[in-house]
Amino acid sequence: MPKTEIILAHPVRSTLYPDAPTIAESGFPGFEAQGWFRLSAPAGTRNRSLRS
């Protein structure tokens, strides 16, 4: 089974994964990651469906 690496895109280590290094500790100082989510629905979709 291949080895899986977890690297955190956060400036400090996580309490959930204390052994997982941050991006900066992995050799990428100054790295920043941002994310966003979008929900799209066709025109005419009922409001009731969108609130679920």
PDB file of N, CA and C in Angstrom:
ATOM      1  N   MET A   1       0.854  -1.181   0.000  1.00  0.00           N
ATOM      2  CA  MET A   1       0.000   0.000   0.000  1.00  0.00           C
ATOM      3  C   MET A   1       0.897   1.241   0.000  1.00  0.00           C
ATOM      4  N   PRO A   2       0.600   2.223  -0.855  1.00  0.00           N
ATOM      5  CA  PRO A   2       1.440   3.416  -0.911  1.00  0.00           C
ATOM      6  C   PRO A   2       1.310   4.254   0.361  1.00  0.00           C
ATOM      7  N   LYS A   3       2.387   4.929   0.673  1.00  0.00           N
ATOM      8  CA  LYS A   3       2.409   5.802   1.843  1.00  0.00           C
ATOM      9  C   LYS A   3       1.652   7.089   1.522  1.00  0.00           C
ATOM     10  N   THR A   4       0.843   7.547   2.454  1.00  0.00           N
ATOM     11  CA  THR A   4       0.087   8.784   2.280  1.00  0.00           C
ATOM     12  C   THR A   4       0.629   9.835   3.222  1.00  0.00           C
ATOM     13  N   GLU A   5       0.931  10.986   2.689  1.00  0.00           N
ATOM     14  CA  GLU A   5       1.416  12.102   3.498  1.00  0.00           C
ATOM     15  C   GLU A   5       0.284  13.079   3.747  1.00  0.00           C
ATOM     16  N   ILE A   6       0.208  13.579   4.952  1.00  0.00           N
ATOM     17  CA  ILE A   6      -0.730  14.641   5.280  1.00  0.00           C
ATOM     18  C   ILE A   6       0.096  15.870   5.636  1.00  0.00           C
ATOM     19  N   ILE A   7      -0.152  16.952   4.930  1.00  0.00           N
ATOM     20  CA  ILE A   7       0.504  18.229   5.204  1.00  0.00           C
ATOM     21  C   ILE A   7      -0.602  19.252   5.394  1.00  0.00           C
ATOM     22  N   LEU A   8      -0.516  20.010   6.460  1.00  0.00           N
ATOM     23  CA  LEU A   8      -1.557  20.978   6.780  1.00  0.00           C
ATOM     24  C   LEU A   8      -1.278  22.331   6.156  1.00  0.00           C
ATOM     25  N   ALA A   9      -2.265  22.894   5.488  1.00  0.00           N
ATOM     26  CA  ALA A   9      -2.153  24.239   4.922  1.00  0.00           C
ATOM     27  C   ALA A   9      -2.632  25.241   5.966  1.00  0.00           C
ATOM     28  N   HIS A  10      -1.965  25.234   7.099  1.00  0.00           N
ATOM     29  CA  HIS A  10      -2.328  26.087   8.223  1.00  0.00           C
ATOM     30  C   HIS A  10      -1.027  26.513   8.897  1.00  0.00           C
ATOM     31  N   PRO A  11      -0.983  27.685   9.476  1.00  0.00           N
ATOM     32  CA  PRO A  11       0.278  28.152  10.052  1.00  0.00           C
ATOM     33  C   PRO A  11       0.734  27.407  11.316  1.00  0.00           C
ATOM     34  N   VAL A  12      -0.162  26.691  11.983  1.00  0.00           N
ATOM     35  CA  VAL A  12       0.224  25.947  13.183  1.00  0.00           C
ATOM     36  C   VAL A  12      -0.256  24.504  13.062  1.00  0.00           C
ATOM     37  N   ARG A  13       0.395  23.614  13.791  1.00  0.00           N
ATOM     38  CA  ARG A  13       0.015  22.199  13.761  1.00  0.00           C
ATOM     39  C   ARG A  13      -1.369  21.981  14.370  1.00  0.00           C
ATOM     40  N   SER A  14      -2.043  20.988  13.895  1.00  0.00           N
ATOM     41  CA  SER A  14      -3.371  20.643  14.375  1.00  0.00           C
ATOM     42  C   SER A  14      -3.274  19.771  15.624  1.00  0.00           C
ATOM     43  N   THR A  15      -4.197  19.983  16.549  1.00  0.00           N
ATOM     44  CA  THR A  15      -4.245  19.107  17.716  1.00  0.00           C
ATOM     45  C   THR A  15      -4.788  17.727  17.334  1.00  0.00           C
ATOM     46  N   LEU A  16      -5.520  17.636  16.228  1.00  0.00           N
ATOM     47  CA  LEU A  16      -6.038  16.346  15.761  1.00  0.00           C
ATOM     48  C   LEU A  16      -4.962  15.505  15.082  1.00  0.00           C
ATOM     49  N   TYR A  17      -4.000  16.177  14.439  1.00  0.00           N
ATOM     50  CA  TYR A  17      -2.908  15.497  13.738  1.00  0.00           C
ATOM     51  C   TYR A  17      -1.584  16.130  14.160  1.00  0.00           C
ATOM     52  N   PRO A  18      -1.164  15.927  15.393  1.00  0.00           N
ATOM     53  CA  PRO A  18       0.041  16.605  15.876  1.00  0.00           C
ATOM     54  C   PRO A  18       1.322  16.211  15.141  1.00  0.00           C
ATOM     55  N   ASP A  19       1.332  15.054  14.509  1.00  0.00           N
ATOM     56  CA  ASP A  19       2.518  14.621  13.772  1.00  0.00           C
ATOM     57  C   ASP A  19       2.543  15.116  12.330  1.00  0.00           C
ATOM     58  N   ALA A  20       1.452  15.715  11.870  1.00  0.00           N
ATOM     59  CA  ALA A  20       1.393  16.222  10.493  1.00  0.00           C
ATOM     60  C   ALA A  20       2.048  17.606  10.446  1.00  0.00           C
ATOM     61  N   PRO A  21       3.074  17.768   9.608  1.00  0.00           N
ATOM     62  CA  PRO A  21       3.743  19.061   9.539  1.00  0.00           C
ATOM     63  C   PRO A  21       2.903  20.100   8.799  1.00  0.00           C
ATOM     64  N   THR A  22       3.211  21.350   9.057  1.00  0.00           N
ATOM     65  CA  THR A  22       2.572  22.429   8.302  1.00  0.00           C
ATOM     66  C   THR A  22       3.276  22.558   6.953  1.00  0.00           C
ATOM     67  N   ILE A  23       2.685  23.317   6.063  1.00  0.00           N
ATOM     68  CA  ILE A  23       3.314  23.551   4.754  1.00  0.00           C
ATOM     69  C   ILE A  23       4.686  24.205   4.934  1.00  0.00           C
ATOM     70  N   ALA A  24       4.770  25.184   5.838  1.00  0.00           N
ATOM     71  CA  ALA A  24       6.045  25.878   6.065  1.00  0.00           C
ATOM     72  C   ALA A  24       7.111  24.902   6.565  1.00  0.00           C
ATOM     73  N   GLU A  25       6.737  24.003   7.457  1.00  0.00           N
ATOM     74  CA  GLU A  25       7.683  23.013   7.962  1.00  0.00           C
ATOM     75  C   GLU A  25       8.102  22.020   6.878  1.00  0.00           C
ATOM     76  N   SER A  26       7.302  21.911   5.835  1.00  0.00           N
ATOM     77  CA  SER A  26       7.594  20.985   4.743  1.00  0.00           C
ATOM     78  C   SER A  26       8.418  21.634   3.630  1.00  0.00           C
ATOM     79  N   GLY A  27       8.844  22.859   3.851  1.00  0.00           N
ATOM     80  CA  GLY A  27       9.712  23.506   2.868  1.00  0.00           C
ATOM     81  C   GLY A  27       9.052  24.559   2.003  1.00  0.00           C
ATOM     82  N   PHE A  28       7.855  24.997   2.362  1.00  0.00           N
ATOM     83  CA  PHE A  28       7.150  26.009   1.593  1.00  0.00           C
ATOM     84  C   PHE A  28       6.742  27.181   2.485  1.00  0.00           C
ATOM     85  N   PRO A  29       7.713  27.914   3.037  1.00  0.00           N
ATOM     86  CA  PRO A  29       7.356  29.044   3.902  1.00  0.00           C
ATOM     87  C   PRO A  29       6.594  30.105   3.125  1.00  0.00           C
ATOM     88  N   GLY A  30       5.631  30.719   3.778  1.00  0.00           N
ATOM     89  CA  GLY A  30       4.847  31.772   3.137  1.00  0.00           C
ATOM     90  C   GLY A  30       3.676  31.257   2.314  1.00  0.00           C
ATOM     91  N   PHE A  31       3.518  29.941   2.207  1.00  0.00           N
ATOM     92  CA  PHE A  31       2.409  29.377   1.435  1.00  0.00           C
ATOM     93  C   PHE A  31       1.096  29.676   2.135  1.00  0.00           C
ATOM     94  N   GLU A  32       0.110  30.083   1.374  1.00  0.00           N
ATOM     95  CA  GLU A  32      -1.231  30.302   1.892  1.00  0.00           C
ATOM     96  C   GLU A  32      -2.229  29.610   0.979  1.00  0.00           C
ATOM     97  N   ALA A  33      -3.253  29.037   1.562  1.00  0.00           N
ATOM     98  CA  ALA A  33      -4.304  28.391   0.785  1.00  0.00           C
ATOM     99  C   ALA A  33      -5.642  28.967   1.204  1.00  0.00           C
ATOM    100  N   GLN A  34      -6.468  29.231   0.230  1.00  0.00           N
ATOM    101  CA  GLN A  34      -7.816  29.714   0.494  1.00  0.00           C
ATOM    102  C   GLN A  34      -8.784  28.832  -0.272  1.00  0.00           C
ATOM    103  N   GLY A  35      -9.950  28.649   0.297  1.00  0.00           N
ATOM    104  CA  GLY A  35     -10.957  27.840  -0.377  1.00  0.00           C
ATOM    105  C   GLY A  35     -12.306  28.515  -0.331  1.00  0.00           C
ATOM    106  N   TRP A  36     -13.143  28.136  -1.244  1.00  0.00           N
ATOM    107  CA  TRP A  36     -14.511  28.650  -1.251  1.00  0.00           C
ATOM    108  C   TRP A  36     -15.403  27.575  -1.844  1.00  0.00           C
ATOM    109  N   PHE A  37     -16.663  27.668  -1.536  1.00  0.00           N
ATOM    110  CA  PHE A  37     -17.638  26.703  -2.009  1.00  0.00           C
ATOM    111  C   PHE A  37     -18.771  27.441  -2.703  1.00  0.00           C
ATOM    112  N   ARG A  38     -19.347  26.797  -3.680  1.00  0.00           N
ATOM    113  CA  ARG A  38     -20.441  27.402  -4.434  1.00  0.00           C
ATOM    114  C   ARG A  38     -21.528  26.360  -4.623  1.00  0.00           C
ATOM    115  N   LEU A  39     -22.746  26.800  -4.491  1.00  0.00           N
ATOM    116  CA  LEU A  39     -23.898  25.947  -4.749  1.00  0.00           C
ATOM    117  C   LEU A  39     -24.658  26.546  -5.918  1.00  0.00           C
ATOM    118  N   SER A  40     -24.873  25.761  -6.935  1.00  0.00           N
ATOM    119  CA  SER A  40     -25.609  26.218  -8.109  1.00  0.00           C
ATOM    120  C   SER A  40     -26.838  25.350  -8.297  1.00  0.00           C
ATOM    121  N   ALA A  41     -27.882  25.971  -8.797  1.00  0.00           N
ATOM    122  CA  ALA A  41     -29.114  25.241  -9.094  1.00  0.00           C
ATOM    123  C   ALA A  41     -29.746  25.875 -10.331  1.00  0.00           C
ATOM    124  N   PRO A  42     -30.473  25.102 -11.107  1.00  0.00           N
ATOM    125  CA  PRO A  42     -31.118  25.636 -12.298  1.00  0.00           C
ATOM    126  C   PRO A  42     -32.165  26.693 -11.941  1.00  0.00           C
ATOM    127  N   ALA A  43     -32.357  27.622 -12.831  1.00  0.00           N
ATOM    128  CA  ALA A  43     -33.408  28.629 -12.645  1.00  0.00           C
ATOM    129  C   ALA A  43     -34.744  27.926 -12.456  1.00  0.00           C
ATOM    130  N   GLY A  44     -35.534  28.438 -11.530  1.00  0.00           N
ATOM    131  CA  GLY A  44     -36.841  27.858 -11.278  1.00  0.00           C
ATOM    132  C   GLY A  44     -36.845  26.781 -10.202  1.00  0.00           C
ATOM    133  N   THR A  45     -35.680  26.491  -9.618  1.00  0.00           N
ATOM    134  CA  THR A  45     -35.631  25.504  -8.541  1.00  0.00           C
ATOM    135  C   THR A  45     -36.417  26.032  -7.349  1.00  0.00           C
ATOM    136  N   ARG A  46     -37.248  25.184  -6.773  1.00  0.00           N
ATOM    137  CA  ARG A  46     -38.085  25.616  -5.653  1.00  0.00           C
ATOM    138  C   ARG A  46     -37.219  25.944  -4.436  1.00  0.00           C
ATOM    139  N   ASN A  47     -37.577  26.991  -3.703  1.00  0.00           N
ATOM    140  CA  ASN A  47     -36.858  27.366  -2.497  1.00  0.00           C
ATOM    141  C   ASN A  47     -36.781  26.225  -1.504  1.00  0.00           C
ATOM    142  N   ARG A  48     -37.855  25.458  -1.430  1.00  0.00           N
ATOM    143  CA  ARG A  48     -37.890  24.326  -0.502  1.00  0.00           C
ATOM    144  C   ARG A  48     -36.752  23.342  -0.788  1.00  0.00           C
ATOM    145  N   SER A  49     -36.447  23.140  -2.038  1.00  0.00           N
ATOM    146  CA  SER A  49     -35.375  22.229  -2.421  1.00  0.00           C
ATOM    147  C   SER A  49     -34.019  22.789  -2.022  1.00  0.00           C
ATOM    148  N   LEU A  50     -33.856  24.087  -2.114  1.00  0.00           N
ATOM    149  CA  LEU A  50     -32.581  24.708  -1.806  1.00  0.00           C
ATOM    150  C   LEU A  50     -32.290  24.759  -0.316  1.00  0.00           C
ATOM    151  N   ARG A  51     -33.303  24.740   0.518  1.00  0.00           N
ATOM    152  CA  ARG A  51     -33.117  24.825   1.973  1.00  0.00           C
ATOM    153  C   ARG A  51     -32.792  23.483   2.600  1.00  0.00           C
ATOM    154  N   SER A  52     -32.899  22.405   1.873  1.00  0.00           N
ATOM    155  CA  SER A  52     -32.665  21.053   2.440  1.00  0.00           C
ATOM    156  C   SER A  52     -31.229  20.850   2.815  1.00  0.00           C
TER     157      SER A  52
END
